[in-house]
Structures are given as structure tokens and as C-alpha cells.
Amino acid sequence: MQQRPAAVYGELNQSLTFESAPTVPINPYGRSKLINEWMIQDYAAASGLRYLILRYFNVAGADPFGRIGERNAQGSHLIKVACDAAKGRRECLQIFGTDFPTPDGTAVRDYIHVWDLATAHLDGLHYLEQGGQSQVLNCGYGRGYSVREVVKKMKEISGVDFPVVEVNRRKGDPASVVASVQRIREVLGWMPNYDDLGVIVETTWEWYKRW
């Protein structure tokens, strides 16, 4: 069983990203992950190994009971950076690009709570133990939030109106990446419990407030 980021898809001109979508990554990170998928599939073809690859989207959040979470001072994903800005660890939060073809001009991503991702892994292991066939499945919520929406939610939950600076796009950033989740629900019977941006941001913030 392997987990892989949705960066293997690259830039897609469709509202939802299906597992059957072309894998044309637009940056070295995505290409490296796609090569790893090919290696797994080639080995499986030669050996008879059954595999499950989860293509997860933007993972965030922390244990809802406050027992564990990310503790990485170098973390660069948006919600973690927003926490740093709210705590004063950064002078500001930078929004990279406000001219994307999205409703508010900022990039849109499908954020999945880490707890739901963990249960997807457990469901996947059970599936393979029961003799399930090899699969590649998206793991997300099937809806996206823009950078502006995430920043607004962090300000609401933290109560801190931290500075935001708009800068140019980063090369290789897709405008929108949102998962189609029909297959994972059909194959694994997976049902998320924390499909809410407010819950994702709040559990992250409560964790980061500790340190």
C-alpha cells in the first residue's frame, strides 16, 4: 500500500480530478512521485503483488483530541503557514497569485483532514487483506477551497488579523486541484468524518497553539 500526492496529475482543465485523468505533472516533485507509481506497477506486473495507491490531496489538521499533530518548523503548506502568521512567527502570509482562473483569483485545493486520511489507510489495508485487487484511488473530499477562503477561516478561528501580502504566482502551481472521490467510496466504503474546513483549521490551530 502506497500513498502518493495529487501532484502526479499536474494542471487539469476540469472541475474534478478523476483517477483516469492523464498524469502529466508540471513540476519535478510530481514527476518523481509518478515514477514511483510506475515502479510499483511494474513490480506488481512481474511478481503478482497486489497494491493500493492512494493519491491524496492537501493533508492538514491534527488529532481532534489534541494528542498528536505536525511539529515541523520548516513546514510550508498553507494552513501551517497561516498558523505561523497568526502566532507572529512570520511577518506576513504571502498569497502566491491572485490572477488564477478561479472564483476569487487564488488557487483552489482539496483539503483533507489527516484523521480521515488515516482511516482511509486502515480501510485500504482491510481491502487488501480481504483479497482486493490492485487499485489507484483518489483521497480527498471532492470540493476545494481557495487560498483566500483558508486565510479568512484562520483569521476567524485564531482571532488574529495577521498581515497578508499578495505576490506573483509560483511557477508550476496549478489553478485548481480537486479530487473525484466516487471510486474510493465505492471500492473501500470510506466515509470521512471531518469534511469541514473549519474543523481542519481549528484542529490545526489548537495543536499549534501549544508550541
N, C-alpha and C. Protein backbone atom coordinates (compact mmCIF):
# COMPACT_ATOMS: atom_id res chain seq x y z
N MET A 1 0.85 -1.18 0.00
CA MET A 1 0.00 0.00 0.00
C MET A 1 0.89 1.23 0.00
N GLN A 2 0.63 2.15 -0.92
CA GLN A 2 1.44 3.35 -1.05
C GLN A 2 0.54 4.58 -1.09
N GLN A 3 1.05 5.68 -0.51
CA GLN A 3 0.35 6.94 -0.63
C GLN A 3 1.16 7.87 -1.51
N ARG A 4 0.46 8.59 -2.38
CA ARG A 4 1.12 9.49 -3.32
C ARG A 4 0.32 10.77 -3.42
N PRO A 5 0.99 11.91 -3.54
CA PRO A 5 0.27 13.18 -3.64
C PRO A 5 -0.38 13.36 -5.00
N ALA A 6 -1.37 14.24 -5.03
CA ALA A 6 -2.10 14.50 -6.28
C ALA A 6 -1.26 15.27 -7.29
N ALA A 7 -0.03 15.61 -6.93
CA ALA A 7 0.84 16.34 -7.86
C ALA A 7 1.14 15.53 -9.12
N VAL A 8 0.85 14.22 -9.10
CA VAL A 8 1.09 13.41 -10.30
C VAL A 8 0.18 13.82 -11.45
N TYR A 9 -0.91 14.51 -11.15
CA TYR A 9 -1.85 14.90 -12.21
C TYR A 9 -1.40 16.13 -12.99
N GLY A 10 -0.81 17.08 -12.31
CA GLY A 10 -0.44 18.32 -12.98
C GLY A 10 -1.63 19.24 -13.14
N GLU A 11 -1.62 20.04 -14.19
CA GLU A 11 -2.69 21.02 -14.45
C GLU A 11 -3.78 20.37 -15.29
N LEU A 12 -5.01 20.40 -14.79
CA LEU A 12 -6.13 19.78 -15.49
C LEU A 12 -7.23 20.80 -15.75
N ASN A 13 -7.81 20.74 -16.92
CA ASN A 13 -8.88 21.67 -17.28
C ASN A 13 -10.24 21.03 -17.04
N GLN A 14 -10.50 20.64 -15.80
CA GLN A 14 -11.78 20.05 -15.45
C GLN A 14 -12.06 20.34 -13.99
N SER A 15 -13.34 20.29 -13.61
CA SER A 15 -13.72 20.67 -12.25
C SER A 15 -13.28 19.65 -11.22
N LEU A 16 -13.27 18.37 -11.59
CA LEU A 16 -12.84 17.31 -10.68
C LEU A 16 -11.74 16.48 -11.33
N THR A 17 -10.83 15.99 -10.50
CA THR A 17 -9.73 15.16 -10.98
C THR A 17 -10.08 13.69 -10.75
N PHE A 18 -10.27 12.95 -11.83
CA PHE A 18 -10.58 11.53 -11.74
C PHE A 18 -9.28 10.72 -11.81
N GLU A 19 -9.33 9.49 -11.28
CA GLU A 19 -8.15 8.64 -11.32
C GLU A 19 -7.71 8.34 -12.75
N SER A 20 -8.64 8.40 -13.69
CA SER A 20 -8.33 8.12 -15.09
C SER A 20 -7.74 9.32 -15.82
N ALA A 21 -7.65 10.45 -15.14
CA ALA A 21 -7.11 11.66 -15.78
C ALA A 21 -5.66 11.45 -16.18
N PRO A 22 -5.20 12.11 -17.24
CA PRO A 22 -3.80 11.99 -17.64
C PRO A 22 -2.86 12.41 -16.51
N THR A 23 -1.80 11.67 -16.34
CA THR A 23 -0.79 12.04 -15.35
C THR A 23 0.32 12.78 -16.08
N VAL A 24 0.24 14.09 -16.03
CA VAL A 24 1.21 14.96 -16.70
C VAL A 24 1.68 16.00 -15.68
N PRO A 25 2.49 15.58 -14.71
CA PRO A 25 2.92 16.53 -13.67
C PRO A 25 3.70 17.69 -14.26
N ILE A 26 3.55 18.86 -13.62
CA ILE A 26 4.18 20.07 -14.17
C ILE A 26 5.36 20.54 -13.33
N ASN A 27 5.79 19.71 -12.37
CA ASN A 27 6.98 20.08 -11.60
C ASN A 27 7.75 18.81 -11.24
N PRO A 28 9.02 18.95 -10.84
CA PRO A 28 9.84 17.78 -10.52
C PRO A 28 9.27 16.92 -9.40
N TYR A 29 8.65 17.55 -8.42
CA TYR A 29 8.06 16.80 -7.30
C TYR A 29 7.01 15.82 -7.82
N GLY A 30 6.10 16.31 -8.64
CA GLY A 30 5.06 15.45 -9.19
C GLY A 30 5.63 14.35 -10.07
N ARG A 31 6.64 14.69 -10.86
CA ARG A 31 7.25 13.67 -11.74
C ARG A 31 7.91 12.57 -10.93
N SER A 32 8.57 12.93 -9.84
CA SER A 32 9.24 11.91 -9.02
C SER A 32 8.23 10.95 -8.41
N LYS A 33 7.06 11.45 -8.02
CA LYS A 33 6.04 10.59 -7.44
C LYS A 33 5.41 9.68 -8.49
N LEU A 34 5.24 10.20 -9.70
CA LEU A 34 4.68 9.38 -10.77
C LEU A 34 5.63 8.24 -11.13
N ILE A 35 6.91 8.52 -11.17
CA ILE A 35 7.90 7.47 -11.46
C ILE A 35 7.80 6.36 -10.41
N ASN A 36 7.59 6.74 -9.16
CA ASN A 36 7.45 5.75 -8.10
C ASN A 36 6.22 4.87 -8.32
N GLU A 37 5.13 5.48 -8.78
CA GLU A 37 3.93 4.69 -9.10
C GLU A 37 4.25 3.68 -10.19
N TRP A 38 4.95 4.12 -11.21
CA TRP A 38 5.29 3.21 -12.31
C TRP A 38 6.13 2.03 -11.80
N MET A 39 7.04 2.30 -10.90
CA MET A 39 7.88 1.24 -10.36
C MET A 39 7.04 0.20 -9.61
N ILE A 40 6.09 0.68 -8.82
CA ILE A 40 5.21 -0.23 -8.09
C ILE A 40 4.40 -1.09 -9.06
N GLN A 41 3.85 -0.44 -10.08
CA GLN A 41 3.02 -1.17 -11.04
C GLN A 41 3.84 -2.16 -11.86
N ASP A 42 5.05 -1.79 -12.22
CA ASP A 42 5.92 -2.71 -12.96
C ASP A 42 6.29 -3.92 -12.11
N TYR A 43 6.61 -3.67 -10.84
CA TYR A 43 6.97 -4.78 -9.95
C TYR A 43 5.76 -5.70 -9.75
N ALA A 44 4.58 -5.10 -9.60
CA ALA A 44 3.37 -5.90 -9.42
C ALA A 44 3.10 -6.77 -10.64
N ALA A 45 3.32 -6.22 -11.84
CA ALA A 45 3.09 -6.99 -13.06
C ALA A 45 4.04 -8.17 -13.16
N ALA A 46 5.25 -8.01 -12.63
CA ALA A 46 6.25 -9.07 -12.71
C ALA A 46 6.11 -10.10 -11.60
N SER A 47 5.56 -9.70 -10.46
CA SER A 47 5.56 -10.57 -9.28
C SER A 47 4.19 -11.05 -8.83
N GLY A 48 3.14 -10.41 -9.33
CA GLY A 48 1.80 -10.76 -8.86
C GLY A 48 1.39 -10.03 -7.60
N LEU A 49 2.21 -9.11 -7.15
CA LEU A 49 1.90 -8.31 -5.95
C LEU A 49 0.62 -7.51 -6.17
N ARG A 50 -0.25 -7.51 -5.18
CA ARG A 50 -1.42 -6.63 -5.22
C ARG A 50 -1.08 -5.35 -4.46
N TYR A 51 -1.53 -4.23 -4.99
CA TYR A 51 -1.16 -2.95 -4.38
C TYR A 51 -2.37 -2.03 -4.31
N LEU A 52 -2.26 -1.05 -3.46
CA LEU A 52 -3.25 0.03 -3.38
C LEU A 52 -2.48 1.34 -3.28
N ILE A 53 -2.70 2.21 -4.24
CA ILE A 53 -2.07 3.53 -4.23
C ILE A 53 -3.14 4.57 -3.93
N LEU A 54 -2.94 5.32 -2.87
CA LEU A 54 -3.84 6.42 -2.53
C LEU A 54 -3.22 7.72 -2.99
N ARG A 55 -3.88 8.39 -3.90
CA ARG A 55 -3.42 9.71 -4.34
C ARG A 55 -4.13 10.75 -3.48
N TYR A 56 -3.46 11.14 -2.42
CA TYR A 56 -4.13 12.07 -1.51
C TYR A 56 -3.88 13.51 -1.91
N PHE A 57 -4.82 14.34 -1.52
CA PHE A 57 -4.75 15.74 -1.90
C PHE A 57 -4.12 16.53 -0.74
N ASN A 58 -4.54 17.71 -0.40
CA ASN A 58 -3.81 18.52 0.58
C ASN A 58 -4.17 18.12 2.01
N VAL A 59 -3.25 17.45 2.66
CA VAL A 59 -3.50 16.93 4.01
C VAL A 59 -3.23 18.02 5.05
N ALA A 60 -4.14 18.16 6.00
CA ALA A 60 -3.99 19.17 7.05
C ALA A 60 -4.76 18.70 8.27
N GLY A 61 -4.79 19.55 9.31
CA GLY A 61 -5.49 19.20 10.53
C GLY A 61 -4.60 18.48 11.52
N ALA A 62 -5.16 18.18 12.68
CA ALA A 62 -4.46 17.47 13.74
C ALA A 62 -5.47 16.60 14.48
N ASP A 63 -4.97 15.73 15.34
CA ASP A 63 -5.86 14.87 16.12
C ASP A 63 -6.93 15.71 16.81
N PRO A 64 -8.21 15.42 16.59
CA PRO A 64 -9.28 16.21 17.20
C PRO A 64 -9.24 16.21 18.73
N PHE A 65 -8.55 15.23 19.32
CA PHE A 65 -8.46 15.15 20.78
C PHE A 65 -7.16 15.75 21.30
N GLY A 66 -6.38 16.35 20.41
CA GLY A 66 -5.19 17.07 20.82
C GLY A 66 -4.01 16.22 21.21
N ARG A 67 -3.99 14.95 20.83
CA ARG A 67 -2.91 14.06 21.26
C ARG A 67 -1.69 14.10 20.35
N ILE A 68 -1.89 14.43 19.10
CA ILE A 68 -0.78 14.40 18.16
C ILE A 68 -1.08 15.33 16.99
N GLY A 69 -0.02 15.84 16.38
CA GLY A 69 -0.15 16.70 15.22
C GLY A 69 1.22 16.93 14.60
N GLU A 70 1.25 17.72 13.56
CA GLU A 70 2.52 18.02 12.90
C GLU A 70 3.34 18.97 13.77
N ARG A 71 4.63 18.71 13.84
CA ARG A 71 5.53 19.63 14.54
C ARG A 71 6.78 19.78 13.69
N ASN A 72 6.66 20.61 12.70
CA ASN A 72 7.73 20.79 11.72
C ASN A 72 7.91 22.28 11.48
N ALA A 73 8.98 22.82 12.02
CA ALA A 73 9.21 24.25 11.89
C ALA A 73 9.39 24.68 10.45
N GLN A 74 9.78 23.75 9.57
CA GLN A 74 10.02 24.08 8.17
C GLN A 74 8.81 23.82 7.28
N GLY A 75 7.71 23.37 7.84
CA GLY A 75 6.54 23.07 7.03
C GLY A 75 6.08 24.27 6.23
N SER A 76 5.68 24.03 4.98
CA SER A 76 5.36 25.15 4.10
C SER A 76 3.95 25.10 3.53
N HIS A 77 3.11 24.16 3.99
CA HIS A 77 1.76 24.12 3.44
C HIS A 77 0.92 25.26 4.02
N LEU A 78 -0.09 25.65 3.31
CA LEU A 78 -0.80 26.90 3.58
C LEU A 78 -1.35 27.01 4.99
N ILE A 79 -2.02 25.99 5.49
CA ILE A 79 -2.66 26.11 6.80
C ILE A 79 -1.61 26.22 7.90
N LYS A 80 -0.50 25.52 7.76
CA LYS A 80 0.58 25.64 8.74
C LYS A 80 1.18 27.04 8.69
N VAL A 81 1.39 27.57 7.50
CA VAL A 81 1.94 28.91 7.34
C VAL A 81 0.98 29.94 7.94
N ALA A 82 -0.32 29.74 7.74
CA ALA A 82 -1.31 30.65 8.32
C ALA A 82 -1.25 30.62 9.84
N CYS A 83 -1.04 29.44 10.41
CA CYS A 83 -0.86 29.33 11.87
C CYS A 83 0.35 30.12 12.32
N ASP A 84 1.45 29.99 11.60
CA ASP A 84 2.67 30.73 11.94
C ASP A 84 2.42 32.23 11.90
N ALA A 85 1.69 32.69 10.88
CA ALA A 85 1.40 34.12 10.77
C ALA A 85 0.53 34.58 11.93
N ALA A 86 -0.45 33.76 12.30
CA ALA A 86 -1.34 34.12 13.41
C ALA A 86 -0.60 34.16 14.75
N LYS A 87 0.43 33.33 14.88
CA LYS A 87 1.22 33.31 16.12
C LYS A 87 2.36 34.31 16.11
N GLY A 88 2.53 35.04 15.02
CA GLY A 88 3.59 36.03 14.94
C GLY A 88 4.94 35.46 14.59
N ARG A 89 4.98 34.23 14.12
CA ARG A 89 6.25 33.62 13.73
C ARG A 89 6.68 34.04 12.33
N ARG A 90 5.77 34.63 11.61
CA ARG A 90 6.06 35.21 10.29
C ARG A 90 5.57 36.65 10.28
N GLU A 91 6.27 37.47 9.53
CA GLU A 91 5.84 38.86 9.43
C GLU A 91 4.51 38.98 8.70
N CYS A 92 4.28 38.06 7.77
CA CYS A 92 3.04 38.11 6.98
C CYS A 92 2.82 36.75 6.34
N LEU A 93 1.65 36.59 5.77
CA LEU A 93 1.36 35.43 4.93
C LEU A 93 1.32 35.90 3.48
N GLN A 94 2.05 35.22 2.63
CA GLN A 94 2.07 35.58 1.22
C GLN A 94 1.06 34.75 0.43
N ILE A 95 0.28 35.42 -0.39
CA ILE A 95 -0.61 34.74 -1.33
C ILE A 95 0.08 34.75 -2.69
N PHE A 96 0.42 33.57 -3.19
CA PHE A 96 1.15 33.45 -4.44
C PHE A 96 0.18 33.38 -5.62
N GLY A 97 -0.14 34.53 -6.16
CA GLY A 97 -1.01 34.59 -7.33
C GLY A 97 -2.44 34.94 -7.00
N THR A 98 -2.94 35.98 -7.64
CA THR A 98 -4.34 36.39 -7.46
C THR A 98 -5.04 36.51 -8.82
N ASP A 99 -4.42 35.93 -9.85
CA ASP A 99 -4.99 36.02 -11.19
C ASP A 99 -5.26 34.64 -11.80
N PHE A 100 -5.47 33.64 -10.94
CA PHE A 100 -5.83 32.31 -11.43
C PHE A 100 -7.28 32.33 -11.95
N PRO A 101 -7.61 31.44 -12.88
CA PRO A 101 -9.00 31.36 -13.36
C PRO A 101 -9.90 30.63 -12.36
N THR A 102 -10.04 31.20 -11.18
CA THR A 102 -10.87 30.67 -10.10
C THR A 102 -11.81 31.78 -9.63
N PRO A 103 -12.83 31.46 -8.85
CA PRO A 103 -13.81 32.49 -8.46
C PRO A 103 -13.21 33.73 -7.82
N ASP A 104 -12.18 33.58 -6.97
CA ASP A 104 -11.60 34.78 -6.33
C ASP A 104 -10.18 35.07 -6.78
N GLY A 105 -9.71 34.34 -7.80
CA GLY A 105 -8.39 34.60 -8.36
C GLY A 105 -7.24 33.90 -7.68
N THR A 106 -7.51 33.22 -6.56
CA THR A 106 -6.44 32.49 -5.87
C THR A 106 -6.60 30.99 -6.09
N ALA A 107 -5.51 30.26 -5.90
CA ALA A 107 -5.50 28.83 -6.18
C ALA A 107 -6.47 28.08 -5.27
N VAL A 108 -7.08 27.04 -5.82
CA VAL A 108 -8.06 26.22 -5.10
C VAL A 108 -7.49 24.82 -4.88
N ARG A 109 -7.64 24.33 -3.65
CA ARG A 109 -7.16 22.99 -3.32
C ARG A 109 -8.20 22.23 -2.51
N ASP A 110 -8.13 20.91 -2.62
CA ASP A 110 -8.99 20.00 -1.87
C ASP A 110 -8.23 19.61 -0.60
N TYR A 111 -8.68 20.11 0.55
CA TYR A 111 -8.01 19.84 1.82
C TYR A 111 -8.69 18.67 2.51
N ILE A 112 -7.89 17.70 2.97
CA ILE A 112 -8.42 16.53 3.67
C ILE A 112 -7.82 16.47 5.06
N HIS A 113 -8.67 16.20 6.05
CA HIS A 113 -8.20 16.10 7.43
C HIS A 113 -7.36 14.84 7.60
N VAL A 114 -6.26 14.97 8.30
CA VAL A 114 -5.32 13.85 8.46
C VAL A 114 -5.99 12.64 9.11
N TRP A 115 -6.98 12.88 9.96
CA TRP A 115 -7.67 11.76 10.62
C TRP A 115 -8.45 10.94 9.60
N ASP A 116 -9.10 11.62 8.66
CA ASP A 116 -9.82 10.90 7.61
C ASP A 116 -8.85 10.16 6.68
N LEU A 117 -7.69 10.75 6.43
CA LEU A 117 -6.69 10.07 5.62
C LEU A 117 -6.21 8.80 6.32
N ALA A 118 -6.04 8.87 7.64
CA ALA A 118 -5.62 7.70 8.40
C ALA A 118 -6.65 6.58 8.30
N THR A 119 -7.93 6.93 8.41
CA THR A 119 -8.96 5.89 8.31
C THR A 119 -9.02 5.30 6.90
N ALA A 120 -8.70 6.12 5.89
CA ALA A 120 -8.65 5.60 4.52
C ALA A 120 -7.54 4.55 4.39
N HIS A 121 -6.42 4.77 5.06
CA HIS A 121 -5.34 3.78 5.05
C HIS A 121 -5.79 2.48 5.71
N LEU A 122 -6.47 2.59 6.83
CA LEU A 122 -6.95 1.38 7.51
C LEU A 122 -7.97 0.64 6.65
N ASP A 123 -8.86 1.39 6.02
CA ASP A 123 -9.82 0.76 5.11
C ASP A 123 -9.11 0.09 3.94
N GLY A 124 -8.03 0.72 3.46
CA GLY A 124 -7.27 0.15 2.36
C GLY A 124 -6.57 -1.14 2.74
N LEU A 125 -5.99 -1.17 3.93
CA LEU A 125 -5.34 -2.39 4.39
C LEU A 125 -6.34 -3.53 4.53
N HIS A 126 -7.51 -3.21 5.07
CA HIS A 126 -8.56 -4.23 5.20
C HIS A 126 -8.97 -4.74 3.81
N TYR A 127 -9.08 -3.84 2.86
CA TYR A 127 -9.45 -4.21 1.49
C TYR A 127 -8.45 -5.21 0.90
N LEU A 128 -7.15 -4.94 1.07
CA LEU A 128 -6.13 -5.84 0.54
C LEU A 128 -6.12 -7.17 1.29
N GLU A 129 -6.31 -7.12 2.60
CA GLU A 129 -6.35 -8.35 3.40
C GLU A 129 -7.50 -9.26 2.98
N GLN A 130 -8.57 -8.65 2.50
CA GLN A 130 -9.73 -9.42 2.06
C GLN A 130 -9.62 -9.88 0.60
N GLY A 131 -8.45 -9.67 0.00
CA GLY A 131 -8.23 -10.14 -1.36
C GLY A 131 -8.53 -9.14 -2.45
N GLY A 132 -8.68 -7.87 -2.09
CA GLY A 132 -8.99 -6.85 -3.08
C GLY A 132 -7.91 -6.72 -4.14
N GLN A 133 -8.33 -6.37 -5.34
CA GLN A 133 -7.41 -6.23 -6.46
C GLN A 133 -6.71 -4.87 -6.45
N SER A 134 -5.64 -4.78 -7.20
CA SER A 134 -4.84 -3.55 -7.25
C SER A 134 -5.70 -2.37 -7.70
N GLN A 135 -5.47 -1.24 -7.04
CA GLN A 135 -6.27 -0.05 -7.31
C GLN A 135 -5.41 1.20 -7.15
N VAL A 136 -5.79 2.24 -7.88
CA VAL A 136 -5.28 3.59 -7.66
C VAL A 136 -6.49 4.45 -7.34
N LEU A 137 -6.50 5.06 -6.15
CA LEU A 137 -7.68 5.79 -5.69
C LEU A 137 -7.31 7.19 -5.21
N ASN A 138 -8.14 8.14 -5.57
CA ASN A 138 -8.01 9.49 -5.01
C ASN A 138 -8.48 9.49 -3.56
N CYS A 139 -7.88 10.36 -2.77
CA CYS A 139 -8.31 10.51 -1.38
C CYS A 139 -8.41 12.00 -1.07
N GLY A 140 -9.60 12.51 -1.11
CA GLY A 140 -9.88 13.91 -0.82
C GLY A 140 -11.34 14.02 -0.45
N TYR A 141 -11.89 15.22 -0.55
CA TYR A 141 -13.30 15.42 -0.20
C TYR A 141 -14.18 15.75 -1.40
N GLY A 142 -13.58 16.03 -2.52
CA GLY A 142 -14.38 16.33 -3.70
C GLY A 142 -14.85 17.76 -3.79
N ARG A 143 -14.26 18.63 -2.98
CA ARG A 143 -14.55 20.06 -3.09
C ARG A 143 -13.33 20.83 -2.64
N GLY A 144 -13.17 22.02 -3.18
CA GLY A 144 -11.96 22.77 -2.89
C GLY A 144 -12.24 24.10 -2.23
N TYR A 145 -11.19 24.64 -1.63
CA TYR A 145 -11.23 25.96 -1.00
C TYR A 145 -10.07 26.79 -1.54
N SER A 146 -10.33 28.06 -1.75
CA SER A 146 -9.29 28.95 -2.27
C SER A 146 -8.36 29.39 -1.15
N VAL A 147 -7.22 29.95 -1.54
CA VAL A 147 -6.28 30.48 -0.56
C VAL A 147 -6.96 31.56 0.28
N ARG A 148 -7.72 32.42 -0.35
CA ARG A 148 -8.40 33.48 0.40
C ARG A 148 -9.38 32.90 1.42
N GLU A 149 -10.09 31.85 1.06
CA GLU A 149 -11.04 31.22 1.99
C GLU A 149 -10.32 30.62 3.19
N VAL A 150 -9.18 29.99 2.95
CA VAL A 150 -8.41 29.41 4.06
C VAL A 150 -7.89 30.51 4.98
N VAL A 151 -7.36 31.57 4.40
CA VAL A 151 -6.84 32.68 5.21
C VAL A 151 -7.97 33.30 6.04
N LYS A 152 -9.11 33.51 5.43
CA LYS A 152 -10.25 34.08 6.16
C LYS A 152 -10.66 33.19 7.33
N LYS A 153 -10.71 31.89 7.10
CA LYS A 153 -11.11 30.96 8.16
C LYS A 153 -10.08 30.95 9.29
N MET A 154 -8.80 31.01 8.96
CA MET A 154 -7.77 31.04 10.01
C MET A 154 -7.89 32.31 10.84
N LYS A 155 -8.15 33.43 10.21
CA LYS A 155 -8.32 34.68 10.95
C LYS A 155 -9.53 34.59 11.88
N GLU A 156 -10.61 33.99 11.41
CA GLU A 156 -11.81 33.85 12.24
C GLU A 156 -11.54 32.98 13.46
N ILE A 157 -10.89 31.85 13.25
CA ILE A 157 -10.70 30.88 14.33
C ILE A 157 -9.62 31.34 15.31
N SER A 158 -8.55 31.92 14.80
CA SER A 158 -7.46 32.37 15.69
C SER A 158 -7.78 33.69 16.36
N GLY A 159 -8.65 34.48 15.75
CA GLY A 159 -8.93 35.81 16.28
C GLY A 159 -7.83 36.81 16.00
N VAL A 160 -6.93 36.47 15.08
CA VAL A 160 -5.78 37.33 14.76
C VAL A 160 -5.90 37.81 13.32
N ASP A 161 -5.87 39.12 13.13
CA ASP A 161 -5.93 39.69 11.78
C ASP A 161 -4.50 39.92 11.28
N PHE A 162 -3.82 38.82 10.95
CA PHE A 162 -2.41 38.89 10.56
C PHE A 162 -2.27 39.50 9.17
N PRO A 163 -1.11 40.10 8.88
CA PRO A 163 -0.90 40.74 7.58
C PRO A 163 -0.84 39.72 6.44
N VAL A 164 -1.39 40.10 5.31
CA VAL A 164 -1.37 39.27 4.10
C VAL A 164 -0.80 40.11 2.96
N VAL A 165 0.16 39.53 2.23
CA VAL A 165 0.79 40.22 1.11
C VAL A 165 0.58 39.39 -0.15
N GLU A 166 0.10 40.03 -1.20
CA GLU A 166 -0.12 39.35 -2.47
C GLU A 166 1.11 39.49 -3.36
N VAL A 167 1.60 38.34 -3.86
CA VAL A 167 2.78 38.33 -4.72
C VAL A 167 2.47 37.51 -5.97
N ASN A 168 3.44 37.42 -6.87
CA ASN A 168 3.24 36.70 -8.13
C ASN A 168 3.08 35.20 -7.91
N ARG A 169 2.50 34.56 -8.89
CA ARG A 169 2.37 33.10 -8.85
C ARG A 169 3.74 32.44 -8.75
N ARG A 170 3.75 31.24 -8.19
CA ARG A 170 4.94 30.40 -8.25
C ARG A 170 4.84 29.53 -9.51
N LYS A 171 5.93 29.38 -10.18
CA LYS A 171 5.95 28.56 -11.39
C LYS A 171 5.56 27.12 -11.06
N GLY A 172 4.65 26.58 -11.83
CA GLY A 172 4.25 25.18 -11.64
C GLY A 172 3.06 24.98 -10.74
N ASP A 173 2.48 26.05 -10.19
CA ASP A 173 1.30 25.91 -9.33
C ASP A 173 0.03 25.79 -10.18
N PRO A 174 -0.70 24.67 -10.10
CA PRO A 174 -1.97 24.57 -10.82
C PRO A 174 -3.01 25.52 -10.22
N ALA A 175 -3.98 25.92 -11.03
CA ALA A 175 -5.03 26.82 -10.54
C ALA A 175 -5.96 26.11 -9.57
N SER A 176 -6.35 24.89 -9.90
CA SER A 176 -7.32 24.17 -9.07
C SER A 176 -7.04 22.68 -9.12
N VAL A 177 -7.03 22.04 -7.95
CA VAL A 177 -6.83 20.59 -7.86
C VAL A 177 -7.85 20.05 -6.85
N VAL A 178 -8.88 19.40 -7.36
CA VAL A 178 -9.96 18.87 -6.51
C VAL A 178 -10.22 17.43 -6.92
N ALA A 179 -10.33 16.54 -5.94
CA ALA A 179 -10.46 15.11 -6.20
C ALA A 179 -11.88 14.70 -6.56
N SER A 180 -11.99 13.74 -7.46
CA SER A 180 -13.21 12.95 -7.57
C SER A 180 -13.07 11.80 -6.58
N VAL A 181 -14.03 11.64 -5.69
CA VAL A 181 -13.90 10.64 -4.62
C VAL A 181 -14.92 9.50 -4.75
N GLN A 182 -15.55 9.41 -5.88
CA GLN A 182 -16.55 8.35 -6.08
C GLN A 182 -15.92 6.97 -5.96
N ARG A 183 -14.75 6.78 -6.56
CA ARG A 183 -14.12 5.45 -6.58
C ARG A 183 -13.72 4.98 -5.19
N ILE A 184 -13.12 5.83 -4.38
CA ILE A 184 -12.66 5.38 -3.06
C ILE A 184 -13.85 5.01 -2.18
N ARG A 185 -14.96 5.70 -2.37
CA ARG A 185 -16.14 5.37 -1.58
C ARG A 185 -16.76 4.06 -2.04
N GLU A 186 -16.72 3.82 -3.34
CA GLU A 186 -17.26 2.57 -3.87
C GLU A 186 -16.38 1.37 -3.51
N VAL A 187 -15.07 1.52 -3.68
CA VAL A 187 -14.15 0.40 -3.51
C VAL A 187 -13.88 0.09 -2.04
N LEU A 188 -13.61 1.11 -1.25
CA LEU A 188 -13.25 0.90 0.16
C LEU A 188 -14.42 1.11 1.12
N GLY A 189 -15.49 1.73 0.64
CA GLY A 189 -16.57 2.08 1.56
C GLY A 189 -16.17 3.18 2.53
N TRP A 190 -15.17 3.95 2.15
CA TRP A 190 -14.62 5.00 3.02
C TRP A 190 -15.59 6.16 3.14
N MET A 191 -15.81 6.59 4.39
CA MET A 191 -16.68 7.74 4.66
C MET A 191 -15.95 8.68 5.61
N PRO A 192 -15.65 9.90 5.19
CA PRO A 192 -14.94 10.85 6.05
C PRO A 192 -15.82 11.39 7.17
N ASN A 193 -15.18 11.79 8.25
CA ASN A 193 -15.88 12.34 9.41
C ASN A 193 -15.55 13.80 9.69
N TYR A 194 -14.54 14.33 9.02
CA TYR A 194 -14.08 15.69 9.33
C TYR A 194 -14.03 16.56 8.08
N ASP A 195 -15.02 16.37 7.22
CA ASP A 195 -15.09 17.08 5.94
C ASP A 195 -15.63 18.50 6.16
N ASP A 196 -14.80 19.35 6.74
CA ASP A 196 -15.21 20.72 7.02
C ASP A 196 -13.96 21.58 7.19
N LEU A 197 -13.86 22.65 6.42
CA LEU A 197 -12.67 23.50 6.50
C LEU A 197 -12.49 24.05 7.91
N GLY A 198 -13.59 24.43 8.56
CA GLY A 198 -13.48 24.96 9.91
C GLY A 198 -12.86 23.97 10.88
N VAL A 199 -13.24 22.70 10.78
CA VAL A 199 -12.68 21.67 11.66
C VAL A 199 -11.20 21.46 11.36
N ILE A 200 -10.85 21.44 10.08
CA ILE A 200 -9.45 21.26 9.71
C ILE A 200 -8.60 22.39 10.27
N VAL A 201 -9.05 23.62 10.07
CA VAL A 201 -8.28 24.78 10.54
C VAL A 201 -8.26 24.82 12.07
N GLU A 202 -9.38 24.55 12.70
CA GLU A 202 -9.45 24.64 14.16
C GLU A 202 -8.55 23.61 14.84
N THR A 203 -8.57 22.35 14.36
CA THR A 203 -7.73 21.34 14.99
C THR A 203 -6.25 21.66 14.77
N THR A 204 -5.92 22.21 13.61
CA THR A 204 -4.53 22.62 13.36
C THR A 204 -4.14 23.74 14.31
N TRP A 205 -4.99 24.74 14.43
CA TRP A 205 -4.70 25.89 15.28
C TRP A 205 -4.57 25.48 16.74
N GLU A 206 -5.46 24.64 17.23
CA GLU A 206 -5.40 24.20 18.63
C GLU A 206 -4.10 23.45 18.90
N TRP A 207 -3.64 22.70 17.93
CA TRP A 207 -2.37 21.98 18.10
C TRP A 207 -1.20 22.94 18.13
N TYR A 208 -1.16 23.87 17.16
CA TYR A 208 -0.02 24.78 17.06
C TYR A 208 0.04 25.79 18.20
N LYS A 209 -1.07 26.05 18.85
CA LYS A 209 -1.05 26.98 19.97
C LYS A 209 -0.18 26.47 21.12
N ARG A 210 0.09 25.18 21.13
CA ARG A 210 0.84 24.58 22.24
C ARG A 210 2.34 24.87 22.18
N TRP A 211 2.83 25.21 21.01
CA TRP A 211 4.29 25.36 20.90
C TRP A 211 4.66 26.46 19.92
